[in-house]
Amino acid sequence: MFKDVLRELVEKTDGGLASLVMDREGIALESYALDNAQFDINVLGVEFGIVLGQVKRAVESLQAGAAQEVAICTDKVTALLRVLGDGYFLALAIKPDGNLGKGRYLMRTTAPRLLAELH
C-alpha cells in the first residue's frame, strides 16, 4: 500500500522526485523515486530526519505545540517532511522549481491514509 501512495505523491506533484515513509530511527518502511532522481531518498530521509527531531524538540521546549511539517530548501532539492504520529514521518523531495504548494497539499491529505496503515 505504501508504494502506491508514495508513487502517486511523487507523480502528482509537479517536479516531484522521490518520497518515503521512515521511522524515527532512520529505517525506511518504503520509498519511491523516479529514475532521474540524483540522490538516494533514503539517505536524505536519514539526514533530514535528524533535523526534524531537533525541530520537534525545539518547539516542545518553547511550548509552541507539536511540529507538523518542515521544509528544507537547497539549490538542488526541496525536501518536505511531515510528521506521522509519534514515530514516523513522510518525506517528499521536489525539484527547486517544482510545485511546493501542491506537494504540501498532497502530503497533508495523504498522511491520514498512511497513518491508518501504521497503526
PDB file of N, CA and C in Angstrom:
ATOM      1  N   MET A   1       0.809  -1.190   0.000  1.00  0.00           N
ATOM      2  CA  MET A   1       0.000   0.000   0.000  1.00  0.00           C
ATOM      3  C   MET A   1       0.856   1.258   0.000  1.00  0.00           C
ATOM      4  N   PHE A   2       1.917   1.269   0.792  1.00  0.00           N
ATOM      5  CA  PHE A   2       2.776   2.449   0.864  1.00  0.00           C
ATOM      6  C   PHE A   2       3.352   2.822  -0.495  1.00  0.00           C
ATOM      7  N   LYS A   3       3.821   1.832  -1.242  1.00  0.00           N
ATOM      8  CA  LYS A   3       4.479   2.100  -2.525  1.00  0.00           C
ATOM      9  C   LYS A   3       3.550   2.845  -3.478  1.00  0.00           C
ATOM     10  N   ASP A   4       2.308   2.413  -3.570  1.00  0.00           N
ATOM     11  CA  ASP A   4       1.350   3.075  -4.463  1.00  0.00           C
ATOM     12  C   ASP A   4       1.087   4.510  -4.034  1.00  0.00           C
ATOM     13  N   VAL A   5       0.934   4.727  -2.744  1.00  0.00           N
ATOM     14  CA  VAL A   5       0.679   6.075  -2.226  1.00  0.00           C
ATOM     15  C   VAL A   5       1.890   6.971  -2.483  1.00  0.00           C
ATOM     16  N   LEU A   6       3.082   6.457  -2.249  1.00  0.00           N
ATOM     17  CA  LEU A   6       4.297   7.249  -2.458  1.00  0.00           C
ATOM     18  C   LEU A   6       4.492   7.581  -3.934  1.00  0.00           C
ATOM     19  N   ARG A   7       4.230   6.633  -4.811  1.00  0.00           N
ATOM     20  CA  ARG A   7       4.340   6.882  -6.252  1.00  0.00           C
ATOM     21  C   ARG A   7       3.342   7.963  -6.669  1.00  0.00           C
ATOM     22  N   GLU A   8       2.113   7.860  -6.187  1.00  0.00           N
ATOM     23  CA  GLU A   8       1.082   8.849  -6.508  1.00  0.00           C
ATOM     24  C   GLU A   8       1.495  10.239  -6.020  1.00  0.00           C
ATOM     25  N   LEU A   9       2.067  10.314  -4.840  1.00  0.00           N
ATOM     26  CA  LEU A   9       2.525  11.585  -4.275  1.00  0.00           C
ATOM     27  C   LEU A   9       3.567  12.234  -5.174  1.00  0.00           C
ATOM     28  N   VAL A  10       4.541  11.463  -5.619  1.00  0.00           N
ATOM     29  CA  VAL A  10       5.600  11.985  -6.490  1.00  0.00           C
ATOM     30  C   VAL A  10       5.045  12.367  -7.856  1.00  0.00           C
ATOM     31  N   GLU A  11       4.262  11.492  -8.439  1.00  0.00           N
ATOM     32  CA  GLU A  11       3.791  11.718  -9.806  1.00  0.00           C
ATOM     33  C   GLU A  11       2.754  12.831  -9.923  1.00  0.00           C
ATOM     34  N   LYS A  12       2.018  13.111  -8.862  1.00  0.00           N
ATOM     35  CA  LYS A  12       1.018  14.181  -8.903  1.00  0.00           C
ATOM     36  C   LYS A  12       1.581  15.534  -8.481  1.00  0.00           C
ATOM     37  N   THR A  13       2.815  15.553  -8.006  1.00  0.00           N
ATOM     38  CA  THR A  13       3.460  16.812  -7.627  1.00  0.00           C
ATOM     39  C   THR A  13       4.361  17.254  -8.765  1.00  0.00           C
ATOM     40  N   ASP A  14       4.086  18.406  -9.363  1.00  0.00           N
ATOM     41  CA  ASP A  14       4.957  18.924 -10.424  1.00  0.00           C
ATOM     42  C   ASP A  14       6.361  19.086  -9.864  1.00  0.00           C
ATOM     43  N   GLY A  15       7.334  18.427 -10.484  1.00  0.00           N
ATOM     44  CA  GLY A  15       8.712  18.489 -10.014  1.00  0.00           C
ATOM     45  C   GLY A  15       9.030  17.461  -8.948  1.00  0.00           C
ATOM     46  N   GLY A  16       8.072  16.596  -8.610  1.00  0.00           N
ATOM     47  CA  GLY A  16       8.312  15.552  -7.614  1.00  0.00           C
ATOM     48  C   GLY A  16       9.407  14.597  -8.069  1.00  0.00           C
ATOM     49  N   LEU A  17      10.275  14.217  -7.143  1.00  0.00           N
ATOM     50  CA  LEU A  17      11.393  13.329  -7.453  1.00  0.00           C
ATOM     51  C   LEU A  17      11.333  12.006  -6.701  1.00  0.00           C
ATOM     52  N   ALA A  18      11.014  12.070  -5.407  1.00  0.00           N
ATOM     53  CA  ALA A  18      11.048  10.863  -4.584  1.00  0.00           C
ATOM     54  C   ALA A  18      10.274  11.100  -3.299  1.00  0.00           C
ATOM     55  N   SER A  19       9.868  10.014  -2.660  1.00  0.00           N
ATOM     56  CA  SER A  19       9.184  10.105  -1.379  1.00  0.00           C
ATOM     57  C   SER A  19       9.461   8.851  -0.570  1.00  0.00           C
ATOM     58  N   LEU A  20       9.237   8.964   0.731  1.00  0.00           N
ATOM     59  CA  LEU A  20       9.418   7.800   1.595  1.00  0.00           C
ATOM     60  C   LEU A  20       8.635   7.952   2.879  1.00  0.00           C
ATOM     61  N   VAL A  21       8.413   6.813   3.529  1.00  0.00           N
ATOM     62  CA  VAL A  21       7.909   6.754   4.893  1.00  0.00           C
ATOM     63  C   VAL A  21       9.033   6.155   5.714  1.00  0.00           C
ATOM     64  N   MET A  22       9.415   6.848   6.795  1.00  0.00           N
ATOM     65  CA  MET A  22      10.559   6.424   7.605  1.00  0.00           C
ATOM     66  C   MET A  22      10.189   6.515   9.077  1.00  0.00           C
ATOM     67  N   ASP A  23      10.775   5.636   9.887  1.00  0.00           N
ATOM     68  CA  ASP A  23      10.567   5.750  11.323  1.00  0.00           C
ATOM     69  C   ASP A  23      11.625   6.659  11.930  1.00  0.00           C
ATOM     70  N   ARG A  24      11.442   7.029  13.175  1.00  0.00           N
ATOM     71  CA  ARG A  24      12.353   7.997  13.794  1.00  0.00           C
ATOM     72  C   ARG A  24      13.752   7.440  14.027  1.00  0.00           C
ATOM     73  N   GLU A  25      13.925   6.134  13.868  1.00  0.00           N
ATOM     74  CA  GLU A  25      15.240   5.514  13.997  1.00  0.00           C
ATOM     75  C   GLU A  25      16.015   5.538  12.681  1.00  0.00           C
ATOM     76  N   GLY A  26      15.385   6.037  11.614  1.00  0.00           N
ATOM     77  CA  GLY A  26      16.047   6.119  10.321  1.00  0.00           C
ATOM     78  C   GLY A  26      15.868   4.898   9.445  1.00  0.00           C
ATOM     79  N   ILE A  27      14.870   4.093   9.739  1.00  0.00           N
ATOM     80  CA  ILE A  27      14.592   2.902   8.935  1.00  0.00           C
ATOM     81  C   ILE A  27      13.425   3.207   7.999  1.00  0.00           C
ATOM     82  N   ALA A  28      13.692   3.127   6.704  1.00  0.00           N
ATOM     83  CA  ALA A  28      12.655   3.385   5.704  1.00  0.00           C
ATOM     84  C   ALA A  28      11.712   2.195   5.625  1.00  0.00           C
ATOM     85  N   LEU A  29      10.415   2.458   5.741  1.00  0.00           N
ATOM     86  CA  LEU A  29       9.422   1.401   5.583  1.00  0.00           C
ATOM     87  C   LEU A  29       9.163   1.146   4.111  1.00  0.00           C
ATOM     88  N   GLU A  30       9.205   2.232   3.337  1.00  0.00           N
ATOM     89  CA  GLU A  30       9.011   2.139   1.884  1.00  0.00           C
ATOM     90  C   GLU A  30       9.461   3.443   1.262  1.00  0.00           C
ATOM     91  N   SER A  31       9.914   3.355   0.030  1.00  0.00           N
ATOM     92  CA  SER A  31      10.311   4.564  -0.697  1.00  0.00           C
ATOM     93  C   SER A  31       9.971   4.393  -2.166  1.00  0.00           C
ATOM     94  N   TYR A  32       9.920   5.515  -2.846  1.00  0.00           N
ATOM     95  CA  TYR A  32       9.689   5.527  -4.289  1.00  0.00           C
ATOM     96  C   TYR A  32      10.483   6.685  -4.866  1.00  0.00           C
ATOM     97  N   ALA A  33      11.188   6.449  -5.961  1.00  0.00           N
ATOM     98  CA  ALA A  33      11.964   7.511  -6.603  1.00  0.00           C
ATOM     99  C   ALA A  33      11.874   7.370  -8.119  1.00  0.00           C
ATOM    100  N   LEU A  34      11.802   8.500  -8.792  1.00  0.00           N
ATOM    101  CA  LEU A  34      11.899   8.495 -10.246  1.00  0.00           C
ATOM    102  C   LEU A  34      13.311   8.088 -10.637  1.00  0.00           C
ATOM    103  N   ASP A  35      13.461   7.575 -11.841  1.00  0.00           N
ATOM    104  CA  ASP A  35      14.783   7.158 -12.313  1.00  0.00           C
ATOM    105  C   ASP A  35      15.769   8.320 -12.388  1.00  0.00           C
ATOM    106  N   ASN A  36      15.266   9.535 -12.603  1.00  0.00           N
ATOM    107  CA  ASN A  36      16.169  10.683 -12.760  1.00  0.00           C
ATOM    108  C   ASN A  36      16.470  11.409 -11.446  1.00  0.00           C
ATOM    109  N   ALA A  37      16.039  10.850 -10.312  1.00  0.00           N
ATOM    110  CA  ALA A  37      16.377  11.453  -9.015  1.00  0.00           C
ATOM    111  C   ALA A  37      17.889  11.313  -8.827  1.00  0.00           C
ATOM    112  N   GLN A  38      18.552  12.426  -8.535  1.00  0.00           N
ATOM    113  CA  GLN A  38      20.020  12.444  -8.499  1.00  0.00           C
ATOM    114  C   GLN A  38      20.587  12.164  -7.115  1.00  0.00           C
ATOM    115  N   PHE A  39      19.817  11.595  -6.234  1.00  0.00           N
ATOM    116  CA  PHE A  39      20.262  11.315  -4.881  1.00  0.00           C
ATOM    117  C   PHE A  39      19.468  10.131  -4.349  1.00  0.00           C
ATOM    118  N   ASP A  40      19.907   9.609  -3.234  1.00  0.00           N
ATOM    119  CA  ASP A  40      19.229   8.489  -2.587  1.00  0.00           C
ATOM    120  C   ASP A  40      18.235   9.045  -1.571  1.00  0.00           C
ATOM    121  N   ILE A  41      16.956   8.825  -1.792  1.00  0.00           N
ATOM    122  CA  ILE A  41      15.922   9.346  -0.898  1.00  0.00           C
ATOM    123  C   ILE A  41      16.078   8.789   0.511  1.00  0.00           C
ATOM    124  N   ASN A  42      16.610   7.594   0.649  1.00  0.00           N
ATOM    125  CA  ASN A  42      16.793   7.016   1.979  1.00  0.00           C
ATOM    126  C   ASN A  42      17.847   7.784   2.772  1.00  0.00           C
ATOM    127  N   VAL A  43      18.929   8.186   2.116  1.00  0.00           N
ATOM    128  CA  VAL A  43      19.962   8.986   2.789  1.00  0.00           C
ATOM    129  C   VAL A  43      19.395  10.355   3.152  1.00  0.00           C
ATOM    130  N   LEU A  44      18.656  10.954   2.229  1.00  0.00           N
ATOM    131  CA  LEU A  44      18.015  12.236   2.516  1.00  0.00           C
ATOM    132  C   LEU A  44      17.100  12.098   3.729  1.00  0.00           C
ATOM    133  N   GLY A  45      16.331  11.034   3.792  1.00  0.00           N
ATOM    134  CA  GLY A  45      15.421  10.813   4.913  1.00  0.00           C
ATOM    135  C   GLY A  45      16.141  10.696   6.238  1.00  0.00           C
ATOM    136  N   VAL A  46      17.238   9.954   6.259  1.00  0.00           N
ATOM    137  CA  VAL A  46      18.008   9.793   7.499  1.00  0.00           C
ATOM    138  C   VAL A  46      18.565  11.134   7.954  1.00  0.00           C
ATOM    139  N   GLU A  47      19.223  11.841   7.051  1.00  0.00           N
ATOM    140  CA  GLU A  47      19.867  13.108   7.415  1.00  0.00           C
ATOM    141  C   GLU A  47      18.850  14.173   7.813  1.00  0.00           C
ATOM    142  N   PHE A  48      17.798  14.334   7.020  1.00  0.00           N
ATOM    143  CA  PHE A  48      16.813  15.357   7.329  1.00  0.00           C
ATOM    144  C   PHE A  48      15.891  14.915   8.468  1.00  0.00           C
ATOM    145  N   GLY A  49      15.784  13.610   8.706  1.00  0.00           N
ATOM    146  CA  GLY A  49      15.034  13.115   9.858  1.00  0.00           C
ATOM    147  C   GLY A  49      15.669  13.570  11.164  1.00  0.00           C
ATOM    148  N   ILE A  50      16.996  13.679  11.175  1.00  0.00           N
ATOM    149  CA  ILE A  50      17.705  14.193  12.348  1.00  0.00           C
ATOM    150  C   ILE A  50      17.303  15.648  12.587  1.00  0.00           C
ATOM    151  N   VAL A  51      17.244  16.420  11.506  1.00  0.00           N
ATOM    152  CA  VAL A  51      16.825  17.820  11.606  1.00  0.00           C
ATOM    153  C   VAL A  51      15.393  17.893  12.138  1.00  0.00           C
ATOM    154  N   LEU A  52      14.521  17.039  11.645  1.00  0.00           N
ATOM    155  CA  LEU A  52      13.131  17.026  12.102  1.00  0.00           C
ATOM    156  C   LEU A  52      13.070  16.750  13.605  1.00  0.00           C
ATOM    157  N   GLY A  53      13.871  15.820  14.083  1.00  0.00           N
ATOM    158  CA  GLY A  53      13.915  15.526  15.513  1.00  0.00           C
ATOM    159  C   GLY A  53      14.341  16.736  16.335  1.00  0.00           C
ATOM    160  N   GLN A  54      15.320  17.471  15.838  1.00  0.00           N
ATOM    161  CA  GLN A  54      15.778  18.680  16.533  1.00  0.00           C
ATOM    162  C   GLN A  54      14.703  19.761  16.531  1.00  0.00           C
ATOM    163  N   VAL A  55      14.006  19.910  15.421  1.00  0.00           N
ATOM    164  CA  VAL A  55      12.918  20.887  15.343  1.00  0.00           C
ATOM    165  C   VAL A  55      11.812  20.504  16.326  1.00  0.00           C
ATOM    166  N   LYS A  56      11.459  19.235  16.386  1.00  0.00           N
ATOM    167  CA  LYS A  56      10.413  18.790  17.310  1.00  0.00           C
ATOM    168  C   LYS A  56      10.788  19.117  18.751  1.00  0.00           C
ATOM    169  N   ARG A  57      12.042  18.854  19.119  1.00  0.00           N
ATOM    170  CA  ARG A  57      12.489  19.161  20.488  1.00  0.00           C
ATOM    171  C   ARG A  57      12.463  20.669  20.748  1.00  0.00           C
ATOM    172  N   ALA A  58      12.862  21.452  19.763  1.00  0.00           N
ATOM    173  CA  ALA A  58      12.890  22.907  19.935  1.00  0.00           C
ATOM    174  C   ALA A  58      11.492  23.468  20.153  1.00  0.00           C
ATOM    175  N   VAL A  59      10.524  23.060  19.350  1.00  0.00           N
ATOM    176  CA  VAL A  59       9.182  23.610  19.503  1.00  0.00           C
ATOM    177  C   VAL A  59       8.526  23.129  20.802  1.00  0.00           C
ATOM    178  N   GLU A  60       8.871  21.925  21.225  1.00  0.00           N
ATOM    179  CA  GLU A  60       8.350  21.445  22.504  1.00  0.00           C
ATOM    180  C   GLU A  60       8.920  22.259  23.660  1.00  0.00           C
ATOM    181  N   SER A  61      10.223  22.570  23.606  1.00  0.00           N
ATOM    182  CA  SER A  61      10.832  23.352  24.683  1.00  0.00           C
ATOM    183  C   SER A  61      10.275  24.776  24.712  1.00  0.00           C
ATOM    184  N   LEU A  62       9.825  25.270  23.582  1.00  0.00           N
ATOM    185  CA  LEU A  62       9.211  26.591  23.510  1.00  0.00           C
ATOM    186  C   LEU A  62       7.719  26.554  23.829  1.00  0.00           C
ATOM    187  N   GLN A  63       7.209  25.360  24.064  1.00  0.00           N
ATOM    188  CA  GLN A  63       5.788  25.136  24.307  1.00  0.00           C
ATOM    189  C   GLN A  63       4.950  25.722  23.179  1.00  0.00           C
ATOM    190  N   ALA A  64       5.415  25.497  21.955  1.00  0.00           N
ATOM    191  CA  ALA A  64       4.747  26.018  20.761  1.00  0.00           C
ATOM    192  C   ALA A  64       3.832  24.988  20.120  1.00  0.00           C
ATOM    193  N   GLY A  65       3.629  23.866  20.783  1.00  0.00           N
ATOM    194  CA  GLY A  65       2.814  22.804  20.207  1.00  0.00           C
ATOM    195  C   GLY A  65       3.684  21.805  19.468  1.00  0.00           C
ATOM    196  N   ALA A  66       3.054  20.876  18.830  1.00  0.00           N
ATOM    197  CA  ALA A  66       3.775  19.819  18.126  1.00  0.00           C
ATOM    198  C   ALA A  66       4.172  20.267  16.719  1.00  0.00           C
ATOM    199  N   ALA A  67       5.378  19.910  16.321  1.00  0.00           N
ATOM    200  CA  ALA A  67       5.822  20.168  14.948  1.00  0.00           C
ATOM    201  C   ALA A  67       5.035  19.255  14.008  1.00  0.00           C
ATOM    202  N   GLN A  68       4.596  19.808  12.901  1.00  0.00           N
ATOM    203  CA  GLN A  68       3.836  19.027  11.932  1.00  0.00           C
ATOM    204  C   GLN A  68       4.565  18.870  10.608  1.00  0.00           C
ATOM    205  N   GLU A  69       5.288  19.926  10.202  1.00  0.00           N
ATOM    206  CA  GLU A  69       5.905  19.914   8.881  1.00  0.00           C
ATOM    207  C   GLU A  69       7.155  20.778   8.884  1.00  0.00           C
ATOM    208  N   VAL A  70       8.148  20.328   8.130  1.00  0.00           N
ATOM    209  CA  VAL A  70       9.390  21.084   7.969  1.00  0.00           C
ATOM    210  C   VAL A  70       9.737  21.065   6.486  1.00  0.00           C
ATOM    211  N   ALA A  71      10.183  22.210   5.963  1.00  0.00           N
ATOM    212  CA  ALA A  71      10.653  22.296   4.578  1.00  0.00           C
ATOM    213  C   ALA A  71      12.117  22.717   4.604  1.00  0.00           C
ATOM    214  N   ILE A  72      12.928  22.010   3.846  1.00  0.00           N
ATOM    215  CA  ILE A  72      14.348  22.328   3.721  1.00  0.00           C
ATOM    216  C   ILE A  72      14.619  22.555   2.236  1.00  0.00           C
ATOM    217  N   CYS A  73      14.990  23.777   1.901  1.00  0.00           N
ATOM    218  CA  CYS A  73      15.206  24.146   0.503  1.00  0.00           C
ATOM    219  C   CYS A  73      16.696  24.334   0.248  1.00  0.00           C
ATOM    220  N   THR A  74      17.207  23.643  -0.767  1.00  0.00           N
ATOM    221  CA  THR A  74      18.601  23.785  -1.171  1.00  0.00           C
ATOM    222  C   THR A  74      18.633  24.150  -2.655  1.00  0.00           C
ATOM    223  N   ASP A  75      19.830  24.326  -3.184  1.00  0.00           N
ATOM    224  CA  ASP A  75      19.969  24.656  -4.601  1.00  0.00           C
ATOM    225  C   ASP A  75      19.446  23.542  -5.513  1.00  0.00           C
ATOM    226  N   LYS A  76      19.536  22.292  -5.051  1.00  0.00           N
ATOM    227  CA  LYS A  76      19.213  21.162  -5.922  1.00  0.00           C
ATOM    228  C   LYS A  76      17.919  20.435  -5.592  1.00  0.00           C
ATOM    229  N   VAL A  77      17.396  20.628  -4.383  1.00  0.00           N
ATOM    230  CA  VAL A  77      16.197  19.899  -3.988  1.00  0.00           C
ATOM    231  C   VAL A  77      15.500  20.632  -2.838  1.00  0.00           C
ATOM    232  N   THR A  78      14.186  20.507  -2.818  1.00  0.00           N
ATOM    233  CA  THR A  78      13.400  20.935  -1.664  1.00  0.00           C
ATOM    234  C   THR A  78      12.857  19.668  -1.033  1.00  0.00           C
ATOM    235  N   ALA A  79      13.096  19.516   0.257  1.00  0.00           N
ATOM    236  CA  ALA A  79      12.612  18.349   0.991  1.00  0.00           C
ATOM    237  C   ALA A  79      11.509  18.792   1.943  1.00  0.00           C
ATOM    238  N   LEU A  80      10.368  18.156   1.836  1.00  0.00           N
ATOM    239  CA  LEU A  80       9.260  18.380   2.753  1.00  0.00           C
ATOM    240  C   LEU A  80       9.163  17.171   3.668  1.00  0.00           C
ATOM    241  N   LEU A  81       9.051  17.421   4.960  1.00  0.00           N
ATOM    242  CA  LEU A  81       8.908  16.356   5.944  1.00  0.00           C
ATOM    243  C   LEU A  81       7.629  16.600   6.719  1.00  0.00           C
ATOM    244  N   ARG A  82       6.783  15.593   6.818  1.00  0.00           N
ATOM    245  CA  ARG A  82       5.528  15.701   7.571  1.00  0.00           C
ATOM    246  C   ARG A  82       5.492  14.595   8.611  1.00  0.00           C
ATOM    247  N   VAL A  83       5.243  14.973   9.842  1.00  0.00           N
ATOM    248  CA  VAL A  83       5.181  14.026  10.946  1.00  0.00           C
ATOM    249  C   VAL A  83       3.946  13.143  10.799  1.00  0.00           C
ATOM    250  N   LEU A  84       4.148  11.846  11.011  1.00  0.00           N
ATOM    251  CA  LEU A  84       3.055  10.866  11.010  1.00  0.00           C
ATOM    252  C   LEU A  84       3.009  10.231  12.396  1.00  0.00           C
ATOM    253  N   GLY A  85       2.266  10.800  13.292  1.00  0.00           N
ATOM    254  CA  GLY A  85       2.191  10.261  14.646  1.00  0.00           C
ATOM    255  C   GLY A  85       3.486  10.475  15.400  1.00  0.00           C
ATOM    256  N   ASP A  86       3.718   9.660  16.399  1.00  0.00           N
ATOM    257  CA  ASP A  86       4.892   9.824  17.251  1.00  0.00           C
ATOM    258  C   ASP A  86       6.174   9.258  16.661  1.00  0.00           C
ATOM    259  N   GLY A  87       6.086   8.249  15.836  1.00  0.00           N
ATOM    260  CA  GLY A  87       7.299   7.556  15.457  1.00  0.00           C
ATOM    261  C   GLY A  87       7.666   7.525  13.993  1.00  0.00           C
ATOM    262  N   TYR A  88       6.915   8.211  13.130  1.00  0.00           N
ATOM    263  CA  TYR A  88       7.154   8.117  11.699  1.00  0.00           C
ATOM    264  C   TYR A  88       7.066   9.491  11.038  1.00  0.00           C
ATOM    265  N   PHE A  89       7.630   9.573   9.831  1.00  0.00           N
ATOM    266  CA  PHE A  89       7.427  10.777   9.040  1.00  0.00           C
ATOM    267  C   PHE A  89       7.387  10.427   7.567  1.00  0.00           C
ATOM    268  N   LEU A  90       6.779  11.325   6.812  1.00  0.00           N
ATOM    269  CA  LEU A  90       6.665  11.233   5.360  1.00  0.00           C
ATOM    270  C   LEU A  90       7.580  12.291   4.780  1.00  0.00           C
ATOM    271  N   ALA A  91       8.369  11.933   3.785  1.00  0.00           N
ATOM    272  CA  ALA A  91       9.255  12.897   3.125  1.00  0.00           C
ATOM    273  C   ALA A  91       8.936  12.924   1.634  1.00  0.00           C
ATOM    274  N   LEU A  92       9.034  14.119   1.075  1.00  0.00           N
ATOM    275  CA  LEU A  92       8.853  14.305  -0.366  1.00  0.00           C
ATOM    276  C   LEU A  92       9.965  15.204  -0.867  1.00  0.00           C
ATOM    277  N   ALA A  93      10.679  14.757  -1.867  1.00  0.00           N
ATOM    278  CA  ALA A  93      11.738  15.554  -2.497  1.00  0.00           C
ATOM    279  C   ALA A  93      11.199  16.107  -3.809  1.00  0.00           C
ATOM    280  N   ILE A  94      11.403  17.409  -3.996  1.00  0.00           N
ATOM    281  CA  ILE A  94      10.888  18.119  -5.162  1.00  0.00           C
ATOM    282  C   ILE A  94      12.013  18.929  -5.786  1.00  0.00           C
ATOM    283  N   LYS A  95      11.983  19.077  -7.109  1.00  0.00           N
ATOM    284  CA  LYS A  95      12.924  19.976  -7.775  1.00  0.00           C
ATOM    285  C   LYS A  95      12.722  21.391  -7.228  1.00  0.00           C
ATOM    286  N   PRO A  96      13.783  22.199  -7.200  1.00  0.00           N
ATOM    287  CA  PRO A  96      13.649  23.560  -6.657  1.00  0.00           C
ATOM    288  C   PRO A  96      12.555  24.396  -7.324  1.00  0.00           C
ATOM    289  N   ASP A  97      12.286  24.146  -8.598  1.00  0.00           N
ATOM    290  CA  ASP A  97      11.243  24.898  -9.293  1.00  0.00           C
ATOM    291  C   ASP A  97       9.909  24.141  -9.339  1.00  0.00           C
ATOM    292  N   GLY A  98       9.794  23.077  -8.546  1.00  0.00           N
ATOM    293  CA  GLY A  98       8.571  22.288  -8.504  1.00  0.00           C
ATOM    294  C   GLY A  98       7.455  22.986  -7.736  1.00  0.00           C
ATOM    295  N   ASN A  99       6.314  22.365  -7.689  1.00  0.00           N
ATOM    296  CA  ASN A  99       5.134  22.943  -7.059  1.00  0.00           C
ATOM    297  C   ASN A  99       5.079  22.557  -5.581  1.00  0.00           C
ATOM    298  N   LEU A 100       5.701  23.376  -4.762  1.00  0.00           N
ATOM    299  CA  LEU A 100       5.783  23.139  -3.324  1.00  0.00           C
ATOM    300  C   LEU A 100       4.393  23.097  -2.685  1.00  0.00           C
ATOM    301  N   GLY A 101       3.512  23.997  -3.088  1.00  0.00           N
ATOM    302  CA  GLY A 101       2.164  24.043  -2.531  1.00  0.00           C
ATOM    303  C   GLY A 101       1.385  22.763  -2.799  1.00  0.00           C
ATOM    304  N   LYS A 102       1.492  22.253  -4.015  1.00  0.00           N
ATOM    305  CA  LYS A 102       0.792  21.004  -4.354  1.00  0.00           C
ATOM    306  C   LYS A 102       1.371  19.848  -3.558  1.00  0.00           C
ATOM    307  N   GLY A 103       2.693  19.817  -3.416  1.00  0.00           N
ATOM    308  CA  GLY A 103       3.330  18.772  -2.616  1.00  0.00           C
ATOM    309  C   GLY A 103       2.862  18.806  -1.171  1.00  0.00           C
ATOM    310  N   ARG A 104       2.809  19.996  -0.597  1.00  0.00           N
ATOM    311  CA  ARG A 104       2.344  20.142   0.789  1.00  0.00           C
ATOM    312  C   ARG A 104       0.892  19.683   0.924  1.00  0.00           C
ATOM    313  N   TYR A 105       0.056  20.082  -0.030  1.00  0.00           N
ATOM    314  CA  TYR A 105      -1.357  19.687  -0.001  1.00  0.00           C
ATOM    315  C   TYR A 105      -1.492  18.163  -0.088  1.00  0.00           C
ATOM    316  N   LEU A 106      -0.801  17.557  -1.036  1.00  0.00           N
ATOM    317  CA  LEU A 106      -0.898  16.108  -1.204  1.00  0.00           C
ATOM    318  C   LEU A 106      -0.363  15.359   0.014  1.00  0.00           C
ATOM    319  N   MET A 107       0.692  15.872   0.622  1.00  0.00           N
ATOM    320  CA  MET A 107       1.209  15.229   1.838  1.00  0.00           C
ATOM    321  C   MET A 107       0.186  15.316   2.967  1.00  0.00           C
ATOM    322  N   ARG A 108      -0.414  16.492   3.124  1.00  0.00           N
ATOM    323  CA  ARG A 108      -1.404  16.680   4.185  1.00  0.00           C
ATOM    324  C   ARG A 108      -2.604  15.759   3.996  1.00  0.00           C
ATOM    325  N   THR A 109      -3.063  15.581   2.758  1.00  0.00           N
ATOM    326  CA  THR A 109      -4.230  14.741   2.509  1.00  0.00           C
ATOM    327  C   THR A 109      -3.886  13.251   2.477  1.00  0.00           C
ATOM    328  N   THR A 110      -2.624  12.926   2.217  1.00  0.00           N
ATOM    329  CA  THR A 110      -2.173  11.541   2.185  1.00  0.00           C
ATOM    330  C   THR A 110      -1.841  11.019   3.581  1.00  0.00           C
ATOM    331  N   ALA A 111      -1.419  11.890   4.459  1.00  0.00           N
ATOM    332  CA  ALA A 111      -0.957  11.491   5.791  1.00  0.00           C
ATOM    333  C   ALA A 111      -1.962  10.621   6.556  1.00  0.00           C
ATOM    334  N   PRO A 112      -3.259  10.938   6.578  1.00  0.00           N
ATOM    335  CA  PRO A 112      -4.176  10.097   7.327  1.00  0.00           C
ATOM    336  C   PRO A 112      -4.243   8.655   6.808  1.00  0.00           C
ATOM    337  N   ARG A 113      -4.155   8.469   5.503  1.00  0.00           N
ATOM    338  CA  ARG A 113      -4.158   7.112   4.922  1.00  0.00           C
ATOM    339  C   ARG A 113      -2.932   6.340   5.375  1.00  0.00           C
ATOM    340  N   LEU A 114      -1.772   6.993   5.351  1.00  0.00           N
ATOM    341  CA  LEU A 114      -0.550   6.330   5.784  1.00  0.00           C
ATOM    342  C   LEU A 114      -0.591   6.026   7.278  1.00  0.00           C
ATOM    343  N   LEU A 115      -1.047   6.979   8.039  1.00  0.00           N
ATOM    344  CA  LEU A 115      -1.124   6.816   9.492  1.00  0.00           C
ATOM    345  C   LEU A 115      -2.042   5.647   9.873  1.00  0.00           C
ATOM    346  N   ALA A 116      -3.147   5.498   9.149  1.00  0.00           N
ATOM    347  CA  ALA A 116      -4.061   4.380   9.408  1.00  0.00           C
ATOM    348  C   ALA A 116      -3.372   3.043   9.171  1.00  0.00           C
ATOM    349  N   GLU A 117      -2.524   2.967   8.162  1.00  0.00           N
ATOM    350  CA  GLU A 117      -1.787   1.734   7.870  1.00  0.00           C
ATOM    351  C   GLU A 117      -0.699   1.451   8.903  1.00  0.00           C
ATOM    352  N   LEU A 118      -0.193   2.499   9.513  1.00  0.00           N
ATOM    353  CA  LEU A 118       0.891   2.336  10.503  1.00  0.00           C
ATOM    354  C   LEU A 118       0.368   1.834  11.846  1.00  0.00           C
ATOM    355  N   HIS A 119      -0.914   2.028  12.092  1.00  0.00           N
ATOM    356  CA  HIS A 119      -1.465   1.640  13.401  1.00  0.00           C
ATOM    357  C   HIS A 119      -2.445   0.531  13.295  1.00  0.00           C
TER     358      HIS A 119
END
